């Protein structure tokens, strides 16, 4: 009969599920109530690879699943997801422009001095603040 502690068994299905939702190794070890070092050792013994390699591979499946769900939301017409994916993959971006011309078009920023421009900007900001109140 060998001495020492009994070998701690790791529930690899739990580990896989936590990897897919992008948990860290430390979080996984905590949920399993073992040390991270023990998790690394069991991975080498049970899976014949480092835990870093194991978790990296398993996290990819979770990322693919998340991407698939995001894509389905976009395909169903979800405007938020359409916008986000457009920014990520199509390099689209929100553009915000401010018009500082006077109502008759006669005064443009390039024809104003610094003091006049500062005054116009302050007027525009005040109008925006008043409109949102």
Protein backbone atom coordinates (compact mmCIF):
# COMPACT_ATOMS: atom_id res chain seq x y z
CA UNK A 1 0.00 0.00 0.00
CA UNK A 2 1.42 3.34 -1.07
CA UNK A 3 1.55 6.25 1.36
CA UNK A 4 0.59 9.87 0.84
CA UNK A 5 -2.58 11.58 -0.15
CA UNK A 6 -5.13 10.00 -2.45
CA UNK A 7 -4.93 11.30 -6.02
CA UNK A 8 -7.35 14.13 -6.70
CA UNK A 9 -9.54 13.34 -9.68
CA UNK A 10 -10.47 16.16 -12.03
CA UNK A 11 -13.91 16.35 -13.62
CA UNK A 12 -12.78 17.18 -17.16
CA UNK A 13 -16.33 17.75 -18.40
CA UNK A 14 -16.61 20.61 -15.88
CA UNK A 15 -13.23 21.91 -16.95
CA UNK A 16 -14.27 21.82 -20.61
CA UNK A 17 -17.53 23.68 -19.88
CA UNK A 18 -15.69 26.38 -17.93
CA UNK A 19 -13.09 26.72 -20.69
CA UNK A 20 -15.85 27.29 -23.24
CA UNK A 21 -17.21 30.23 -21.24
CA UNK A 22 -13.66 31.66 -21.11
CA UNK A 23 -12.91 31.02 -17.42
CA UNK A 24 -9.28 31.40 -16.39
CA UNK A 25 -7.27 28.49 -15.06
CA UNK A 26 -7.36 30.04 -11.60
CA UNK A 27 -11.17 30.30 -11.73
CA UNK A 28 -11.46 26.68 -12.86
CA UNK A 29 -9.18 25.47 -10.09
CA UNK A 30 -11.19 27.46 -7.55
CA UNK A 31 -14.51 25.94 -8.69
CA UNK A 32 -12.97 22.46 -8.53
CA UNK A 33 -11.60 23.32 -5.07
CA UNK A 34 -8.04 22.44 -6.03
CA UNK A 35 -4.90 24.48 -6.56
CA UNK A 36 -3.88 25.67 -9.99
CA UNK A 37 -0.67 23.64 -9.63
CA UNK A 38 -2.74 20.49 -9.05
CA UNK A 39 -4.83 21.27 -12.11
CA UNK A 40 -1.65 21.65 -14.19
CA UNK A 41 -0.23 18.36 -12.86
CA UNK A 42 -3.47 16.45 -13.52
CA UNK A 43 -3.59 17.82 -17.04
CA UNK A 44 -0.07 16.56 -17.76
CA UNK A 45 -0.97 13.15 -16.29
CA UNK A 46 -4.50 12.75 -17.69
CA UNK A 47 -4.31 14.66 -20.97
CA UNK A 48 -0.60 14.44 -21.75
CA UNK A 49 -0.27 18.18 -22.40
CA UNK A 50 0.23 21.42 -20.51
CA UNK A 51 -2.84 23.07 -19.06
CA UNK A 52 -2.08 26.21 -21.07
CA UNK A 53 -2.34 24.18 -24.29
CA UNK A 54 -5.47 22.39 -23.08
CA UNK A 55 -7.33 25.51 -22.00
CA UNK A 56 -6.30 27.33 -25.20
CA UNK A 57 -7.78 24.60 -27.36
CA UNK A 58 -11.01 24.35 -25.37
CA UNK A 59 -11.54 28.13 -25.27
CA UNK A 60 -11.54 28.20 -29.09
CA UNK A 61 -14.72 26.11 -29.12
CA UNK A 62 -16.43 28.62 -26.84
CA UNK A 63 -15.34 31.54 -29.00
CA UNK A 64 -16.67 29.83 -32.11
CA UNK A 65 -19.98 29.18 -30.38
CA UNK A 66 -20.26 32.81 -29.28
CA UNK A 67 -19.39 34.07 -32.76
CA UNK A 68 -22.05 31.75 -34.26
CA UNK A 69 -24.71 33.16 -31.89
CA UNK A 70 -23.69 36.75 -32.64
CA UNK A 71 -23.93 36.05 -36.35
CA UNK A 72 -27.41 34.54 -35.94
CA UNK A 73 -28.54 37.65 -34.04
CA UNK A 74 -27.23 39.85 -36.83
CA UNK A 75 -28.91 37.70 -39.47
CA UNK A 76 -32.21 38.01 -37.60
CA UNK A 77 -31.92 41.80 -37.96
CA UNK A 78 -30.69 42.74 -34.47
CA UNK A 79 -29.51 46.33 -35.09
CA UNK A 80 -27.01 46.37 -32.22
CA UNK A 81 -25.30 43.21 -33.45
CA UNK A 82 -25.38 44.38 -37.07
CA UNK A 83 -23.66 47.62 -36.03
CA UNK A 84 -21.09 45.86 -33.86
CA UNK A 85 -20.20 43.26 -36.49
CA UNK A 86 -20.02 46.00 -39.14
CA UNK A 87 -17.48 47.84 -36.99
CA UNK A 88 -15.48 44.67 -36.33
CA UNK A 89 -15.37 43.15 -39.79
CA UNK A 90 -16.17 45.95 -42.20
CA UNK A 91 -14.19 48.70 -40.43
CA UNK A 92 -17.35 50.82 -40.24
CA UNK A 93 -17.47 53.56 -37.63
CA UNK A 94 -19.81 56.13 -36.18
CA UNK A 95 -19.21 59.57 -37.57
CA UNK A 96 -20.26 62.65 -35.69
CA UNK A 97 -20.11 65.98 -37.45
CA UNK A 98 -20.78 69.43 -36.05
CA UNK A 99 -21.93 72.29 -38.23
CA UNK A 100 -20.64 75.63 -37.00
CA UNK A 101 -22.00 77.78 -39.84
CA UNK A 102 -24.55 80.48 -39.09
CA UNK A 103 -28.12 79.90 -40.20
CA UNK A 104 -27.60 82.03 -43.33
CA UNK A 105 -24.30 80.25 -44.12
CA UNK A 106 -22.32 83.47 -44.03
CA UNK A 107 -20.07 82.70 -41.07
CA UNK A 108 -17.92 79.62 -41.29
CA UNK A 109 -15.17 78.66 -38.82
CA UNK A 110 -12.38 79.53 -41.27
CA UNK A 111 -13.64 83.13 -41.40
CA UNK A 112 -13.86 83.57 -37.63
CA UNK A 113 -11.15 84.73 -35.29
CA UNK A 114 -10.30 82.63 -32.22
CA UNK A 115 -12.59 84.62 -29.89
CA UNK A 116 -15.49 84.47 -32.35
CA UNK A 117 -14.97 80.75 -32.92
CA UNK A 118 -14.86 80.09 -29.16
CA UNK A 119 -18.12 82.04 -28.77
CA UNK A 120 -19.83 80.08 -31.58
CA UNK A 121 -18.69 76.77 -30.09
CA UNK A 122 -20.00 77.79 -26.67
CA UNK A 123 -23.35 78.80 -28.22
CA UNK A 124 -23.65 75.43 -29.97
CA UNK A 125 -22.79 73.55 -26.76
CA UNK A 126 -25.36 75.58 -24.79
CA UNK A 127 -28.02 74.81 -27.42
CA UNK A 128 -27.19 71.10 -27.20
CA UNK A 129 -27.34 71.18 -23.37
CA UNK A 130 -30.65 73.10 -23.43
CA UNK A 131 -32.16 70.67 -25.95
CA UNK A 132 -31.24 67.66 -23.82
CA UNK A 133 -32.68 69.17 -20.61
